Amino acid sequence: VLCAQILNKLFGYEPYPGFSKNVDKKMEELKQRKIN
């Protein structure tokens, strides 16, 4: 997921529609876990 995320940020790479939204959700979840 991380590699895809980097590609997404650098090149706007999206393997499927809504991919970046899913990545953003996952990143938020990871941040929440680290905080809690």
PDB file of N, CA and C in Angstrom:
ATOM      1  N   VAL A   1       0.848  -1.203   0.000  1.00  0.00           N
ATOM      2  CA  VAL A   1       0.000   0.000   0.000  1.00  0.00           C
ATOM      3  C   VAL A   1       0.879   1.247   0.000  1.00  0.00           C
ATOM      4  N   LEU A   2       1.993   1.188   0.729  1.00  0.00           N
ATOM      5  CA  LEU A   2       2.848   2.364   0.865  1.00  0.00           C
ATOM      6  C   LEU A   2       3.416   2.788  -0.487  1.00  0.00           C
ATOM      7  N   CYS A   3       3.923   1.824  -1.269  1.00  0.00           N
ATOM      8  CA  CYS A   3       4.476   2.146  -2.587  1.00  0.00           C
ATOM      9  C   CYS A   3       3.418   2.795  -3.463  1.00  0.00           C
ATOM     10  N   ALA A   4       2.228   2.210  -3.462  1.00  0.00           N
ATOM     11  CA  ALA A   4       1.125   2.762  -4.251  1.00  0.00           C
ATOM     12  C   ALA A   4       0.800   4.165  -3.783  1.00  0.00           C
ATOM     13  N   GLN A   5       0.886   4.383  -2.482  1.00  0.00           N
ATOM     14  CA  GLN A   5       0.569   5.699  -1.928  1.00  0.00           C
ATOM     15  C   GLN A   5       1.588   6.734  -2.411  1.00  0.00           C
ATOM     16  N   ILE A   6       2.862   6.348  -2.392  1.00  0.00           N
ATOM     17  CA  ILE A   6       3.913   7.260  -2.858  1.00  0.00           C
ATOM     18  C   ILE A   6       3.697   7.585  -4.333  1.00  0.00           C
ATOM     19  N   LEU A   7       3.416   6.554  -5.140  1.00  0.00           N
ATOM     20  CA  LEU A   7       3.131   6.772  -6.553  1.00  0.00           C
ATOM     21  C   LEU A   7       1.945   7.708  -6.712  1.00  0.00           C
ATOM     22  N   ASN A   8       0.928   7.489  -5.897  1.00  0.00           N
ATOM     23  CA  ASN A   8      -0.284   8.308  -5.961  1.00  0.00           C
ATOM     24  C   ASN A   8       0.042   9.766  -5.699  1.00  0.00           C
ATOM     25  N   LYS A   9       0.857  10.021  -4.662  1.00  0.00           N
ATOM     26  CA  LYS A   9       1.185  11.400  -4.304  1.00  0.00           C
ATOM     27  C   LYS A   9       2.055  12.044  -5.393  1.00  0.00           C
ATOM     28  N   LEU A  10       3.010  11.291  -5.934  1.00  0.00           N
ATOM     29  CA  LEU A  10       3.954  11.871  -6.884  1.00  0.00           C
ATOM     30  C   LEU A  10       3.333  12.049  -8.263  1.00  0.00           C
ATOM     31  N   PHE A  11       2.591  11.044  -8.709  1.00  0.00           N
ATOM     32  CA  PHE A  11       2.150  11.020 -10.106  1.00  0.00           C
ATOM     33  C   PHE A  11       0.636  11.046 -10.262  1.00  0.00           C
ATOM     34  N   GLY A  12      -0.098  11.088  -9.153  1.00  0.00           N
ATOM     35  CA  GLY A  12      -1.544  11.008  -9.258  1.00  0.00           C
ATOM     36  C   GLY A  12      -1.982   9.641  -9.737  1.00  0.00           C
ATOM     37  N   TYR A  13      -1.143   8.626  -9.444  1.00  0.00           N
ATOM     38  CA  TYR A  13      -1.409   7.250  -9.866  1.00  0.00           C
ATOM     39  C   TYR A  13      -2.608   6.686  -9.121  1.00  0.00           C
ATOM     40  N   GLU A  14      -3.594   6.176  -9.872  1.00  0.00           N
ATOM     41  CA  GLU A  14      -4.776   5.586  -9.251  1.00  0.00           C
ATOM     42  C   GLU A  14      -5.121   4.276  -9.948  1.00  0.00           C
ATOM     43  N   PRO A  15      -4.835   3.141  -9.296  1.00  0.00           N
ATOM     44  CA  PRO A  15      -5.137   1.834  -9.906  1.00  0.00           C
ATOM     45  C   PRO A  15      -6.623   1.657 -10.178  1.00  0.00           C
ATOM     46  N   TYR A  16      -7.457   2.266  -9.369  1.00  0.00           N
ATOM     47  CA  TYR A  16      -8.909   2.228  -9.597  1.00  0.00           C
ATOM     48  C   TYR A  16      -9.540   3.461  -8.972  1.00  0.00           C
ATOM     49  N   PRO A  17     -10.729   3.854  -9.451  1.00  0.00           N
ATOM     50  CA  PRO A  17     -11.372   5.062  -8.915  1.00  0.00           C
ATOM     51  C   PRO A  17     -11.603   4.953  -7.418  1.00  0.00           C
ATOM     52  N   GLY A  18     -11.344   6.032  -6.701  1.00  0.00           N
ATOM     53  CA  GLY A  18     -11.545   6.040  -5.261  1.00  0.00           C
ATOM     54  C   GLY A  18     -10.353   5.489  -4.491  1.00  0.00           C
ATOM     55  N   PHE A  19      -9.290   5.113  -5.208  1.00  0.00           N
ATOM     56  CA  PHE A  19      -8.122   4.529  -4.548  1.00  0.00           C
ATOM     57  C   PHE A  19      -7.520   5.489  -3.530  1.00  0.00           C
ATOM     58  N   SER A  20      -7.341   6.744  -3.940  1.00  0.00           N
ATOM     59  CA  SER A  20      -6.700   7.710  -3.035  1.00  0.00           C
ATOM     60  C   SER A  20      -7.543   7.938  -1.791  1.00  0.00           C
ATOM     61  N   LYS A  21      -8.874   7.869  -1.947  1.00  0.00           N
ATOM     62  CA  LYS A  21      -9.743   8.016  -0.775  1.00  0.00           C
ATOM     63  C   LYS A  21      -9.509   6.873   0.194  1.00  0.00           C
ATOM     64  N   ASN A  22      -9.384   5.646  -0.344  1.00  0.00           N
ATOM     65  CA  ASN A  22      -9.122   4.491   0.517  1.00  0.00           C
ATOM     66  C   ASN A  22      -7.781   4.647   1.223  1.00  0.00           C
ATOM     67  N   VAL A  23      -6.785   5.120   0.500  1.00  0.00           N
ATOM     68  CA  VAL A  23      -5.458   5.316   1.093  1.00  0.00           C
ATOM     69  C   VAL A  23      -5.540   6.337   2.215  1.00  0.00           C
ATOM     70  N   ASP A  24      -6.250   7.434   1.957  1.00  0.00           N
ATOM     71  CA  ASP A  24      -6.391   8.466   2.996  1.00  0.00           C
ATOM     72  C   ASP A  24      -7.057   7.884   4.236  1.00  0.00           C
ATOM     73  N   LYS A  25      -8.087   7.059   4.025  1.00  0.00           N
ATOM     74  CA  LYS A  25      -8.771   6.429   5.163  1.00  0.00           C
ATOM     75  C   LYS A  25      -7.800   5.564   5.947  1.00  0.00           C
ATOM     76  N   LYS A  26      -7.007   4.753   5.230  1.00  0.00           N
ATOM     77  CA  LYS A  26      -6.058   3.855   5.897  1.00  0.00           C
ATOM     78  C   LYS A  26      -5.026   4.658   6.677  1.00  0.00           C
ATOM     79  N   MET A  27      -4.546   5.745   6.091  1.00  0.00           N
ATOM     80  CA  MET A  27      -3.561   6.566   6.776  1.00  0.00           C
ATOM     81  C   MET A  27      -4.154   7.165   8.047  1.00  0.00           C
ATOM     82  N   GLU A  28      -5.409   7.619   7.970  1.00  0.00           N
ATOM     83  CA  GLU A  28      -6.068   8.169   9.157  1.00  0.00           C
ATOM     84  C   GLU A  28      -6.180   7.101  10.238  1.00  0.00           C
ATOM     85  N   GLU A  29      -6.545   5.879   9.827  1.00  0.00           N
ATOM     86  CA  GLU A  29      -6.669   4.787  10.801  1.00  0.00           C
ATOM     87  C   GLU A  29      -5.328   4.510  11.464  1.00  0.00           C
ATOM     88  N   LEU A  30      -4.256   4.498  10.662  1.00  0.00           N
ATOM     89  CA  LEU A  30      -2.926   4.253  11.222  1.00  0.00           C
ATOM     90  C   LEU A  30      -2.557   5.347  12.212  1.00  0.00           C
ATOM     91  N   LYS A  31      -2.834   6.592  11.859  1.00  0.00           N
ATOM     92  CA  LYS A  31      -2.531   7.704  12.766  1.00  0.00           C
ATOM     93  C   LYS A  31      -3.307   7.553  14.068  1.00  0.00           C
ATOM     94  N   GLN A  32      -4.587   7.202  13.952  1.00  0.00           N
ATOM     95  CA  GLN A  32      -5.415   7.035  15.147  1.00  0.00           C
ATOM     96  C   GLN A  32      -4.835   5.945  16.040  1.00  0.00           C
ATOM     97  N   ARG A  33      -4.397   4.836  15.431  1.00  0.00           N
ATOM     98  CA  ARG A  33      -3.836   3.728  16.219  1.00  0.00           C
ATOM     99  C   ARG A  33      -2.576   4.170  16.944  1.00  0.00           C
ATOM    100  N   LYS A  34      -1.729   4.929  16.251  1.00  0.00           N
ATOM    101  CA  LYS A  34      -0.482   5.385  16.876  1.00  0.00           C
ATOM    102  C   LYS A  34      -0.779   6.309  18.045  1.00  0.00           C
ATOM    103  N   ILE A  35      -1.776   7.178  17.876  1.00  0.00           N
ATOM    104  CA  ILE A  35      -2.125   8.130  18.942  1.00  0.00           C
ATOM    105  C   ILE A  35      -2.671   7.378  20.151  1.00  0.00           C
ATOM    106  N   ASN A  36      -3.590   6.452  19.898  1.00  0.00           N
ATOM    107  CA  ASN A  36      -4.252   5.752  21.017  1.00  0.00           C
ATOM    108  C   ASN A  36      -3.329   4.730  21.656  1.00  0.00           C
TER     109      ASN A  36
END
